[in-house]
Amino acid sequence: MPINVTLDVMLAKRKKRAKDLAEQIGLSETQMSQLRNGKVKGVRFETISKICFILECQPSDILEYIVDENDMNAFN
């Protein structure tokens, strides 16, 4: 998948634990782990907003798009 979750990087920069963040935004530790590992098929904008508010960051600080030429061929 061309979307890479870089939430761990921002957690480290902010010296926060994923467990604490999960509790603050209302996710279970399992859901947080799946999000951090990119194992989710989707994420609500509300969840991204809460993460960004607490970590004082932008969505681009926790998500990145990686260009994959094979994926581009699927759109043609």
PDB file of N, CA and C in Angstrom:
ATOM      1  N   MET A   1       0.845  -1.174   0.000  1.00  0.00           N
ATOM      2  CA  MET A   1       0.000   0.000   0.000  1.00  0.00           C
ATOM      3  C   MET A   1       0.889   1.236   0.000  1.00  0.00           C
ATOM      4  N   PRO A   2       0.533   2.235  -0.787  1.00  0.00           N
ATOM      5  CA  PRO A   2       1.391   3.416  -0.904  1.00  0.00           C
ATOM      6  C   PRO A   2       1.295   4.399   0.271  1.00  0.00           C
ATOM      7  N   ILE A   3       0.424   4.150   1.248  1.00  0.00           N
ATOM      8  CA  ILE A   3       0.340   5.022   2.420  1.00  0.00           C
ATOM      9  C   ILE A   3       1.117   4.382   3.560  1.00  0.00           C
ATOM     10  N   ASN A   4       2.081   5.113   4.084  1.00  0.00           N
ATOM     11  CA  ASN A   4       2.911   4.628   5.185  1.00  0.00           C
ATOM     12  C   ASN A   4       2.573   5.426   6.442  1.00  0.00           C
ATOM     13  N   VAL A   5       2.326   4.729   7.548  1.00  0.00           N
ATOM     14  CA  VAL A   5       2.004   5.382   8.812  1.00  0.00           C
ATOM     15  C   VAL A   5       3.303   5.642   9.572  1.00  0.00           C
ATOM     16  N   THR A   6       3.576   6.909   9.849  1.00  0.00           N
ATOM     17  CA  THR A   6       4.806   7.303  10.546  1.00  0.00           C
ATOM     18  C   THR A   6       4.505   7.832  11.944  1.00  0.00           C
ATOM     19  N   LEU A   7       3.428   7.325  12.523  1.00  0.00           N
ATOM     20  CA  LEU A   7       2.997   7.764  13.843  1.00  0.00           C
ATOM     21  C   LEU A   7       4.060   7.508  14.902  1.00  0.00           C
ATOM     22  N   ASP A   8       4.764   6.408  14.807  1.00  0.00           N
ATOM     23  CA  ASP A   8       5.812   6.089  15.783  1.00  0.00           C
ATOM     24  C   ASP A   8       6.896   7.163  15.835  1.00  0.00           C
ATOM     25  N   VAL A   9       7.214   7.727  14.699  1.00  0.00           N
ATOM     26  CA  VAL A   9       8.233   8.776  14.645  1.00  0.00           C
ATOM     27  C   VAL A   9       7.772   9.990  15.442  1.00  0.00           C
ATOM     28  N   MET A  10       6.510  10.381  15.233  1.00  0.00           N
ATOM     29  CA  MET A  10       5.985  11.547  15.940  1.00  0.00           C
ATOM     30  C   MET A  10       5.833  11.250  17.434  1.00  0.00           C
ATOM     31  N   LEU A  11       5.440  10.050  17.784  1.00  0.00           N
ATOM     32  CA  LEU A  11       5.358   9.676  19.201  1.00  0.00           C
ATOM     33  C   LEU A  11       6.731   9.817  19.857  1.00  0.00           C
ATOM     34  N   ALA A  12       7.762   9.364  19.179  1.00  0.00           N
ATOM     35  CA  ALA A  12       9.118   9.461  19.731  1.00  0.00           C
ATOM     36  C   ALA A  12       9.550  10.920  19.868  1.00  0.00           C
ATOM     37  N   LYS A  13       9.244  11.737  18.853  1.00  0.00           N
ATOM     38  CA  LYS A  13       9.610  13.150  18.904  1.00  0.00           C
ATOM     39  C   LYS A  13       8.926  13.864  20.066  1.00  0.00           C
ATOM     40  N   ARG A  14       7.696  13.463  20.347  1.00  0.00           N
ATOM     41  CA  ARG A  14       6.920  14.102  21.418  1.00  0.00           C
ATOM     42  C   ARG A  14       7.096  13.404  22.770  1.00  0.00           C
ATOM     43  N   LYS A  15       7.900  12.334  22.763  1.00  0.00           N
ATOM     44  CA  LYS A  15       8.162  11.560  23.987  1.00  0.00           C
ATOM     45  C   LYS A  15       6.864  11.091  24.639  1.00  0.00           C
ATOM     46  N   LYS A  16       5.993  10.545  23.786  1.00  0.00           N
ATOM     47  CA  LYS A  16       4.711  10.014  24.242  1.00  0.00           C
ATOM     48  C   LYS A  16       4.672   8.517  23.968  1.00  0.00           C
ATOM     49  N   ARG A  17       3.913   7.818  24.784  1.00  0.00           N
ATOM     50  CA  ARG A  17       3.731   6.382  24.582  1.00  0.00           C
ATOM     51  C   ARG A  17       2.429   6.150  23.825  1.00  0.00           C
ATOM     52  N   ALA A  18       2.443   5.154  22.953  1.00  0.00           N
ATOM     53  CA  ALA A  18       1.259   4.824  22.164  1.00  0.00           C
ATOM     54  C   ALA A  18       0.090   4.471  23.080  1.00  0.00           C
ATOM     55  N   LYS A  19       0.380   3.803  24.172  1.00  0.00           N
ATOM     56  CA  LYS A  19      -0.658   3.418  25.128  1.00  0.00           C
ATOM     57  C   LYS A  19      -1.363   4.650  25.678  1.00  0.00           C
ATOM     58  N   ASP A  20      -0.605   5.680  26.027  1.00  0.00           N
ATOM     59  CA  ASP A  20      -1.179   6.913  26.562  1.00  0.00           C
ATOM     60  C   ASP A  20      -1.991   7.649  25.506  1.00  0.00           C
ATOM     61  N   LEU A  21      -1.469   7.704  24.281  1.00  0.00           N
ATOM     62  CA  LEU A  21      -2.188   8.354  23.188  1.00  0.00           C
ATOM     63  C   LEU A  21      -3.509   7.640  22.921  1.00  0.00           C
ATOM     64  N   ALA A  22      -3.471   6.320  22.887  1.00  0.00           N
ATOM     65  CA  ALA A  22      -4.687   5.537  22.648  1.00  0.00           C
ATOM     66  C   ALA A  22      -5.749   5.873  23.688  1.00  0.00           C
ATOM     67  N   GLU A  23      -5.342   5.951  24.920  1.00  0.00           N
ATOM     68  CA  GLU A  23      -6.275   6.266  26.003  1.00  0.00           C
ATOM     69  C   GLU A  23      -6.855   7.671  25.833  1.00  0.00           C
ATOM     70  N   GLN A  24      -6.014   8.622  25.455  1.00  0.00           N
ATOM     71  CA  GLN A  24      -6.456  10.013  25.308  1.00  0.00           C
ATOM     72  C   GLN A  24      -7.452  10.195  24.166  1.00  0.00           C
ATOM     73  N   ILE A  25      -7.303   9.424  23.095  1.00  0.00           N
ATOM     74  CA  ILE A  25      -8.193   9.610  21.944  1.00  0.00           C
ATOM     75  C   ILE A  25      -9.322   8.589  21.890  1.00  0.00           C
ATOM     76  N   GLY A  26      -9.337   7.659  22.839  1.00  0.00           N
ATOM     77  CA  GLY A  26     -10.438   6.709  22.908  1.00  0.00           C
ATOM     78  C   GLY A  26     -10.303   5.482  22.035  1.00  0.00           C
ATOM     79  N   LEU A  27      -9.080   5.056  21.774  1.00  0.00           N
ATOM     80  CA  LEU A  27      -8.841   3.813  21.044  1.00  0.00           C
ATOM     81  C   LEU A  27      -8.320   2.761  22.006  1.00  0.00           C
ATOM     82  N   SER A  28      -8.562   1.505  21.677  1.00  0.00           N
ATOM     83  CA  SER A  28      -7.970   0.430  22.464  1.00  0.00           C
ATOM     84  C   SER A  28      -6.495   0.317  22.079  1.00  0.00           C
ATOM     85  N   GLU A  29      -5.727  -0.340  22.907  1.00  0.00           N
ATOM     86  CA  GLU A  29      -4.306  -0.537  22.589  1.00  0.00           C
ATOM     87  C   GLU A  29      -4.158  -1.366  21.318  1.00  0.00           C
ATOM     88  N   THR A  30      -5.069  -2.297  21.109  1.00  0.00           N
ATOM     89  CA  THR A  30      -5.031  -3.131  19.896  1.00  0.00           C
ATOM     90  C   THR A  30      -5.275  -2.280  18.660  1.00  0.00           C
ATOM     91  N   GLN A  31      -6.281  -1.407  18.731  1.00  0.00           N
ATOM     92  CA  GLN A  31      -6.557  -0.520  17.596  1.00  0.00           C
ATOM     93  C   GLN A  31      -5.381   0.402  17.315  1.00  0.00           C
ATOM     94  N   MET A  32      -4.766   0.922  18.367  1.00  0.00           N
ATOM     95  CA  MET A  32      -3.610   1.796  18.190  1.00  0.00           C
ATOM     96  C   MET A  32      -2.460   1.041  17.544  1.00  0.00           C
ATOM     97  N   SER A  33      -2.231  -0.177  17.990  1.00  0.00           N
ATOM     98  CA  SER A  33      -1.162  -0.996  17.423  1.00  0.00           C
ATOM     99  C   SER A  33      -1.412  -1.255  15.939  1.00  0.00           C
ATOM    100  N   GLN A  34      -2.643  -1.573  15.588  1.00  0.00           N
ATOM    101  CA  GLN A  34      -2.976  -1.821  14.186  1.00  0.00           C
ATOM    102  C   GLN A  34      -2.783  -0.561  13.345  1.00  0.00           C
ATOM    103  N   LEU A  35      -3.157   0.579  13.893  1.00  0.00           N
ATOM    104  CA  LEU A  35      -2.960   1.844  13.179  1.00  0.00           C
ATOM    105  C   LEU A  35      -1.479   2.123  12.990  1.00  0.00           C
ATOM    106  N   ARG A  36      -0.694   1.974  14.050  1.00  0.00           N
ATOM    107  CA  ARG A  36       0.739   2.246  13.981  1.00  0.00           C
ATOM    108  C   ARG A  36       1.441   1.334  12.982  1.00  0.00           C
ATOM    109  N   ASN A  37       0.943   0.117  12.835  1.00  0.00           N
ATOM    110  CA  ASN A  37       1.572  -0.848  11.933  1.00  0.00           C
ATOM    111  C   ASN A  37       0.973  -0.838  10.530  1.00  0.00           C
ATOM    112  N   GLY A  38       0.044   0.076  10.275  1.00  0.00           N
ATOM    113  CA  GLY A  38      -0.564   0.164   8.945  1.00  0.00           C
ATOM    114  C   GLY A  38      -1.465  -0.999   8.610  1.00  0.00           C
ATOM    115  N   LYS A  39      -2.024  -1.639   9.614  1.00  0.00           N
ATOM    116  CA  LYS A  39      -2.856  -2.826   9.403  1.00  0.00           C
ATOM    117  C   LYS A  39      -4.342  -2.503   9.315  1.00  0.00           C
ATOM    118  N   VAL A  40      -4.696  -1.229   9.218  1.00  0.00           N
ATOM    119  CA  VAL A  40      -6.100  -0.831   9.110  1.00  0.00           C
ATOM    120  C   VAL A  40      -6.424  -0.487   7.665  1.00  0.00           C
ATOM    121  N   LYS A  41      -7.670  -0.686   7.285  1.00  0.00           N
ATOM    122  CA  LYS A  41      -8.085  -0.356   5.920  1.00  0.00           C
ATOM    123  C   LYS A  41      -8.506   1.092   5.804  1.00  0.00           C
ATOM    124  N   GLY A  42      -8.814   1.715   6.941  1.00  0.00           N
ATOM    125  CA  GLY A  42      -9.235   3.104   6.931  1.00  0.00           C
ATOM    126  C   GLY A  42      -9.113   3.695   8.320  1.00  0.00           C
ATOM    127  N   VAL A  43      -9.147   5.007   8.353  1.00  0.00           N
ATOM    128  CA  VAL A  43      -9.092   5.715   9.624  1.00  0.00           C
ATOM    129  C   VAL A  43      -9.977   6.956   9.505  1.00  0.00           C
ATOM    130  N   ARG A  44     -10.724   7.231  10.530  1.00  0.00           N
ATOM    131  CA  ARG A  44     -11.636   8.382  10.514  1.00  0.00           C
ATOM    132  C   ARG A  44     -10.841   9.683  10.620  1.00  0.00           C
ATOM    133  N   PHE A  45     -11.359  10.709   9.941  1.00  0.00           N
ATOM    134  CA  PHE A  45     -10.743  12.032  10.049  1.00  0.00           C
ATOM    135  C   PHE A  45     -10.771  12.508  11.497  1.00  0.00           C
ATOM    136  N   GLU A  46     -11.810  12.148  12.218  1.00  0.00           N
ATOM    137  CA  GLU A  46     -11.908  12.526  13.631  1.00  0.00           C
ATOM    138  C   GLU A  46     -10.736  11.966  14.432  1.00  0.00           C
ATOM    139  N   THR A  47     -10.363  10.719  14.142  1.00  0.00           N
ATOM    140  CA  THR A  47      -9.233  10.093  14.834  1.00  0.00           C
ATOM    141  C   THR A  47      -7.931  10.800  14.479  1.00  0.00           C
ATOM    142  N   ILE A  48      -7.744  11.099  13.201  1.00  0.00           N
ATOM    143  CA  ILE A  48      -6.542  11.823  12.776  1.00  0.00           C
ATOM    144  C   ILE A  48      -6.498  13.201  13.440  1.00  0.00           C
ATOM    145  N   SER A  49      -7.648  13.856  13.506  1.00  0.00           N
ATOM    146  CA  SER A  49      -7.713  15.175  14.147  1.00  0.00           C
ATOM    147  C   SER A  49      -7.311  15.111  15.614  1.00  0.00           C
ATOM    148  N   LYS A  50      -7.802  14.115  16.318  1.00  0.00           N
ATOM    149  CA  LYS A  50      -7.466  13.959  17.738  1.00  0.00           C
ATOM    150  C   LYS A  50      -5.973  13.696  17.918  1.00  0.00           C
ATOM    151  N   ILE A  51      -5.418  12.824  17.081  1.00  0.00           N
ATOM    152  CA  ILE A  51      -3.986  12.520  17.159  1.00  0.00           C
ATOM    153  C   ILE A  51      -3.173  13.785  16.925  1.00  0.00           C
ATOM    154  N   CYS A  52      -3.526  14.525  15.887  1.00  0.00           N
ATOM    155  CA  CYS A  52      -2.788  15.749  15.549  1.00  0.00           C
ATOM    156  C   CYS A  52      -2.920  16.798  16.646  1.00  0.00           C
ATOM    157  N   PHE A  53      -4.092  16.898  17.252  1.00  0.00           N
ATOM    158  CA  PHE A  53      -4.284  17.866  18.332  1.00  0.00           C
ATOM    159  C   PHE A  53      -3.390  17.526  19.516  1.00  0.00           C
ATOM    160  N   ILE A  54      -3.392  16.273  19.916  1.00  0.00           N
ATOM    161  CA  ILE A  54      -2.622  15.859  21.093  1.00  0.00           C
ATOM    162  C   ILE A  54      -1.119  15.916  20.829  1.00  0.00           C
ATOM    163  N   LEU A  55      -0.699  15.503  19.639  1.00  0.00           N
ATOM    164  CA  LEU A  55       0.736  15.493  19.325  1.00  0.00           C
ATOM    165  C   LEU A  55       1.221  16.828  18.747  1.00  0.00           C
ATOM    166  N   GLU A  56       0.289  17.769  18.576  1.00  0.00           N
ATOM    167  CA  GLU A  56       0.621  19.072  18.013  1.00  0.00           C
ATOM    168  C   GLU A  56       1.387  18.923  16.701  1.00  0.00           C
ATOM    169  N   CYS A  57       0.728  18.258  15.763  1.00  0.00           N
ATOM    170  CA  CYS A  57       1.359  17.998  14.472  1.00  0.00           C
ATOM    171  C   CYS A  57       0.328  18.114  13.357  1.00  0.00           C
ATOM    172  N   GLN A  58       0.759  17.883  12.151  1.00  0.00           N
ATOM    173  CA  GLN A  58      -0.092  17.882  10.969  1.00  0.00           C
ATOM    174  C   GLN A  58      -0.284  16.441  10.493  1.00  0.00           C
ATOM    175  N   PRO A  59      -1.371  16.156   9.749  1.00  0.00           N
ATOM    176  CA  PRO A  59      -1.565  14.799   9.229  1.00  0.00           C
ATOM    177  C   PRO A  59      -0.348  14.286   8.442  1.00  0.00           C
ATOM    178  N   SER A  60       0.323  15.187   7.748  1.00  0.00           N
ATOM    179  CA  SER A  60       1.501  14.778   6.975  1.00  0.00           C
ATOM    180  C   SER A  60       2.669  14.347   7.869  1.00  0.00           C
ATOM    181  N   ASP A  61       2.588  14.657   9.159  1.00  0.00           N
ATOM    182  CA  ASP A  61       3.625  14.214  10.092  1.00  0.00           C
ATOM    183  C   ASP A  61       3.423  12.768  10.532  1.00  0.00           C
ATOM    184  N   ILE A  62       2.219  12.238  10.313  1.00  0.00           N
ATOM    185  CA  ILE A  62       1.941  10.865  10.758  1.00  0.00           C
ATOM    186  C   ILE A  62       1.579   9.927   9.608  1.00  0.00           C
ATOM    187  N   LEU A  63       1.393  10.494   8.405  1.00  0.00           N
ATOM    188  CA  LEU A  63       1.086   9.698   7.223  1.00  0.00           C
ATOM    189  C   LEU A  63       1.941  10.185   6.066  1.00  0.00           C
ATOM    190  N   GLU A  64       2.428   9.258   5.259  1.00  0.00           N
ATOM    191  CA  GLU A  64       3.173   9.665   4.056  1.00  0.00           C
ATOM    192  C   GLU A  64       2.750   8.804   2.880  1.00  0.00           C
ATOM    193  N   TYR A  65       2.778   9.401   1.718  1.00  0.00           N
ATOM    194  CA  TYR A  65       2.438   8.711   0.485  1.00  0.00           C
ATOM    195  C   TYR A  65       3.718   8.318  -0.231  1.00  0.00           C
ATOM    196  N   ILE A  66       3.807   7.048  -0.593  1.00  0.00           N
ATOM    197  CA  ILE A  66       4.975   6.541  -1.301  1.00  0.00           C
ATOM    198  C   ILE A  66       4.543   6.164  -2.716  1.00  0.00           C
ATOM    199  N   VAL A  67       5.167   6.784  -3.696  1.00  0.00           N
ATOM    200  CA  VAL A  67       4.825   6.524  -5.086  1.00  0.00           C
ATOM    201  C   VAL A  67       5.284   5.121  -5.466  1.00  0.00           C
ATOM    202  N   ASP A  68       4.344   4.363  -6.022  1.00  0.00           N
ATOM    203  CA  ASP A  68       4.642   3.002  -6.481  1.00  0.00           C
ATOM    204  C   ASP A  68       4.132   2.907  -7.917  1.00  0.00           C
ATOM    205  N   GLU A  69       5.034   2.758  -8.846  1.00  0.00           N
ATOM    206  CA  GLU A  69       4.661   2.720 -10.259  1.00  0.00           C
ATOM    207  C   GLU A  69       3.675   1.596 -10.557  1.00  0.00           C
ATOM    208  N   ASN A  70       3.759   0.481  -9.857  1.00  0.00           N
ATOM    209  CA  ASN A  70       2.828  -0.628 -10.075  1.00  0.00           C
ATOM    210  C   ASN A  70       1.399  -0.218  -9.710  1.00  0.00           C
ATOM    211  N   ASP A  71       1.249   0.561  -8.660  1.00  0.00           N
ATOM    212  CA  ASP A  71      -0.064   1.051  -8.257  1.00  0.00           C
ATOM    213  C   ASP A  71      -0.625   1.995  -9.305  1.00  0.00           C
ATOM    214  N   MET A  72       0.218   2.824  -9.895  1.00  0.00           N
ATOM    215  CA  MET A  72      -0.243   3.775 -10.900  1.00  0.00           C
ATOM    216  C   MET A  72      -0.803   3.056 -12.123  1.00  0.00           C
ATOM    217  N   ASN A  73      -0.259   1.912 -12.487  1.00  0.00           N
ATOM    218  CA  ASN A  73      -0.750   1.158 -13.636  1.00  0.00           C
ATOM    219  C   ASN A  73      -2.168   0.641 -13.389  1.00  0.00           C
ATOM    220  N   ALA A  74      -2.542   0.422 -12.148  1.00  0.00           N
ATOM    221  CA  ALA A  74      -3.869  -0.068 -11.819  1.00  0.00           C
ATOM    222  C   ALA A  74      -4.942   0.986 -12.086  1.00  0.00           C
ATOM    223  N   PHE A  75      -4.568   2.259 -12.101  1.00  0.00           N
ATOM    224  CA  PHE A  75      -5.518   3.335 -12.322  1.00  0.00           C
ATOM    225  C   PHE A  75      -5.749   3.629 -13.802  1.00  0.00           C
ATOM    226  N   ASN A  76      -4.930   3.090 -14.657  1.00  0.00           N
ATOM    227  CA  ASN A  76      -5.055   3.354 -16.099  1.00  0.00           C
ATOM    228  C   ASN A  76      -5.938   2.368 -16.775  1.00  0.00           C
TER     229      ASN A  76
END
